[in-house]
Protein backbone atom coordinates (compact mmCIF):
# COMPACT_ATOMS: atom_id res chain seq x y z
CA MET A 1 -3.60 -10.50 21.46
CA LEU A 2 -6.38 -9.34 19.17
CA LEU A 3 -4.62 -10.22 15.83
CA GLN A 4 -2.71 -13.32 16.99
CA GLY A 5 -2.27 -15.85 14.19
CA LYS A 6 -3.45 -13.38 11.48
CA VAL A 7 -1.36 -12.17 8.57
CA TYR A 8 -1.52 -8.75 7.05
CA ALA A 9 0.04 -7.07 3.90
CA VAL A 10 0.88 -3.39 4.12
CA THR A 11 2.04 -1.37 1.09
CA GLY A 12 3.87 1.89 1.71
CA GLY A 13 4.87 0.32 5.05
CA ALA A 14 8.33 1.88 5.37
CA SER A 15 7.28 5.33 6.36
CA GLY A 16 4.44 7.53 7.61
CA ILE A 17 0.96 6.04 7.95
CA GLY A 18 2.11 2.73 6.44
CA PHE A 19 4.82 2.24 9.03
CA ALA A 20 2.47 3.34 11.83
CA THR A 21 -0.10 0.76 10.55
CA ALA A 22 2.52 -2.03 10.41
CA LYS A 23 3.55 -1.24 13.98
CA LEU A 24 0.04 -1.26 15.22
CA ILE A 25 -0.70 -4.62 13.57
CA SER A 26 2.43 -6.15 15.15
CA GLU A 27 1.63 -4.61 18.59
CA ARG A 28 -1.70 -6.30 18.48
CA GLY A 29 -0.08 -9.73 17.74
CA GLY A 30 -0.53 -9.90 13.93
CA THR A 31 2.12 -10.94 11.48
CA VAL A 32 2.99 -7.97 9.23
CA CYS A 33 4.30 -8.24 5.69
CA ILE A 34 5.64 -4.86 4.61
CA ALA A 35 6.17 -3.69 1.04
CA ASP A 36 7.73 -0.43 -0.02
CA VAL A 37 9.82 0.83 -2.96
CA ASN A 38 12.35 2.72 -0.68
CA ALA A 39 15.21 0.42 0.24
CA ASP A 40 16.71 2.87 2.74
CA CYS A 41 13.48 3.24 4.71
CA LEU A 42 12.90 -0.60 4.45
CA GLY A 43 16.26 -1.03 6.14
CA ASN A 44 15.13 1.10 9.04
CA VAL A 45 11.91 -0.76 9.29
CA GLU A 46 13.67 -4.07 9.34
CA SER A 47 15.97 -2.83 12.16
CA TYR A 48 12.91 -1.74 14.11
CA PHE A 49 11.07 -5.05 13.78
CA SER A 50 14.25 -7.15 14.24
CA ALA A 51 14.72 -5.50 17.68
CA LYS A 52 11.23 -6.80 18.57
CA SER A 53 11.96 -10.40 17.28
CA PRO A 54 11.31 -13.22 18.03
CA SER A 55 8.06 -12.09 19.59
CA VAL A 56 7.09 -10.22 16.40
CA GLU A 57 6.68 -12.12 13.13
CA PHE A 58 7.34 -9.91 10.05
CA MET A 59 8.45 -9.93 6.42
CA ILE A 60 10.05 -7.02 4.53
CA THR A 61 10.01 -6.85 0.70
CA GLN A 62 11.05 -4.20 -1.75
CA VAL A 63 8.09 -3.84 -4.05
CA ASP A 64 7.15 -1.22 -6.61
CA VAL A 65 3.35 -1.41 -6.58
CA SER A 66 3.19 -0.13 -10.11
CA ASN A 67 4.89 -3.35 -11.23
CA LYS A 68 2.27 -6.08 -11.51
CA GLN A 69 4.70 -8.98 -11.33
CA GLN A 70 6.41 -7.61 -8.22
CA VAL A 71 3.03 -7.22 -6.46
CA GLU A 72 1.88 -10.75 -7.46
CA ASN A 73 5.18 -12.26 -6.37
CA TRP A 74 5.04 -10.47 -3.00
CA ILE A 75 1.52 -11.70 -2.22
CA ALA A 76 2.36 -15.22 -3.43
CA ASP A 77 5.45 -15.17 -1.17
CA ILE A 78 3.26 -14.21 1.79
CA LYS A 79 0.90 -17.10 1.02
CA THR A 80 3.77 -19.51 0.65
CA LYS A 81 5.48 -18.50 3.86
CA TYR A 82 2.43 -18.03 6.12
CA HIS A 83 -0.24 -20.06 4.25
CA ARG A 84 -2.79 -17.31 4.64
CA LEU A 85 -3.60 -13.62 4.16
CA ASP A 86 -6.22 -12.16 6.53
CA GLY A 87 -6.09 -8.58 5.48
CA ALA A 88 -4.27 -5.80 3.68
CA ALA A 89 -3.74 -2.05 3.88
CA ASN A 90 -2.92 -0.49 0.53
CA ILE A 91 -1.20 2.74 1.58
CA ALA A 92 1.56 3.24 -0.96
CA GLY A 93 1.15 6.46 -2.92
CA VAL A 94 3.04 9.31 -4.51
CA ILE A 95 2.34 13.02 -5.02
CA GLY A 96 4.85 13.68 -7.79
CA LYS A 97 7.81 16.06 -7.98
CA ASP A 98 5.73 18.93 -9.44
CA HIS A 99 2.89 18.65 -6.88
CA GLY A 100 1.35 22.06 -6.46
CA ILE A 101 3.94 23.71 -8.72
CA LYS A 102 3.05 23.05 -12.38
CA THR A 103 -0.26 23.68 -14.03
CA VAL A 104 -2.02 21.01 -16.05
CA ALA A 105 -0.60 22.55 -19.26
CA GLU A 106 2.85 22.24 -17.85
CA LEU A 107 2.60 18.70 -16.41
CA GLU A 108 4.96 16.25 -18.09
CA ASP A 109 3.55 12.90 -19.31
CA ASP A 110 6.17 10.96 -17.38
CA GLU A 111 5.11 12.60 -14.12
CA TRP A 112 1.42 12.05 -14.87
CA ASN A 113 2.12 8.36 -15.69
CA LYS A 114 4.07 7.86 -12.50
CA ILE A 115 1.31 9.23 -10.28
CA ILE A 116 -1.40 7.26 -12.04
CA SER A 117 0.67 4.02 -12.17
CA VAL A 118 1.33 4.02 -8.40
CA ASN A 119 -1.77 5.61 -6.93
CA LEU A 120 -4.35 4.05 -9.29
CA THR A 121 -2.99 1.07 -11.24
CA GLY A 122 -0.73 0.01 -8.34
CA THR A 123 -3.66 -0.05 -5.93
CA MET A 124 -5.62 -2.15 -8.41
CA TYR A 125 -2.62 -4.59 -8.81
CA CYS A 126 -2.54 -4.93 -5.03
CA LEU A 127 -6.23 -5.30 -4.60
CA ARG A 128 -6.50 -7.93 -7.33
CA ALA A 129 -3.60 -10.02 -5.97
CA GLU A 130 -4.94 -9.73 -2.36
CA LEU A 131 -8.48 -10.76 -3.40
CA ASN A 132 -7.13 -13.85 -5.07
CA HIS A 133 -5.51 -14.98 -1.78
CA ILE A 134 -7.35 -13.49 1.15
CA VAL A 135 -9.27 -15.71 3.61
CA ASP A 136 -13.05 -15.64 3.82
CA GLY A 137 -13.98 -12.74 5.98
CA GLY A 138 -10.68 -10.94 5.45
CA SER A 139 -10.51 -7.23 5.00
CA ILE A 140 -8.73 -4.84 2.68
CA VAL A 141 -8.33 -1.13 3.29
CA ASN A 142 -7.30 1.18 0.40
CA MET A 143 -5.94 4.44 1.75
CA ALA A 144 -6.33 7.72 -0.11
CA SER A 145 -5.04 11.11 0.76
CA ILE A 146 -7.03 14.22 1.58
CA HIS A 147 -6.94 15.03 -2.11
CA ALA A 148 -9.61 12.42 -2.58
CA THR A 149 -12.11 14.91 -1.14
CA THR A 150 -10.42 18.16 -1.81
CA GLY A 151 -7.72 19.43 -4.15
CA GLU A 152 -9.71 21.36 -6.67
CA SER A 153 -6.58 23.31 -7.77
CA PRO A 154 -5.39 22.54 -11.35
CA LEU A 155 -1.95 22.26 -9.75
CA LEU A 156 -3.08 19.03 -8.12
CA MET A 157 -4.92 17.41 -11.00
CA ALA A 158 -3.08 14.11 -11.32
CA GLY A 159 -2.99 13.48 -7.55
CA THR A 160 -6.62 14.50 -7.07
CA LEU A 161 -7.90 12.32 -9.89
CA SER A 162 -5.92 9.30 -8.75
CA GLU A 163 -6.91 9.68 -5.11
CA ARG A 164 -10.60 10.16 -5.89
CA THR A 165 -10.58 7.07 -8.05
CA ARG A 166 -8.78 5.14 -5.26
CA ARG A 167 -11.46 6.20 -2.83
CA GLY A 168 -14.20 4.78 -5.01
CA LYS A 169 -12.49 1.36 -5.68
CA PRO A 170 -13.65 -0.38 -2.45
CA TRP A 171 -17.31 0.29 -3.27
CA CYS A 172 -16.88 -1.33 -6.71
CA VAL A 173 -15.29 -4.41 -5.16
CA CYS A 174 -17.69 -4.67 -2.27
CA SER A 175 -20.56 -4.95 -4.74
CA GLU A 176 -19.10 -8.06 -6.40
């Protein structure tokens, strides 16, 4: 198995691309540690991986990536349980309830703050915690949506800005 003995953290791992990534890691023999804010979806993911046990090693944790302490605790728990972190996929993200509906002038501060806190600040919290624990030669992937390269509409401003910034983060970290 290609990833046998390796441990990976996946945010947004309870649905969509995050869940598909977690499944792929486990199918290739890796231990997958899944974080997501959605408790219902996490229950479904736990059922999926439990059916694969004991051949599949996994950890499920409810985490709000916009909460620094939750992120740090999650990564520390991975390190405590498995004694290593080989890689991470930061996939968690939100588009907001008014995505494509309200103009910039109509966008509420709470909605703006939620999008920025998850997509931008949350990714930074994850990246920082992961970098403090990842093994030499490990890899971290920060996922951004299509709005990182498109989304010129003023109706998509918060999402576009946060996704474009997310897209640029790896370059900043790689140069350190």
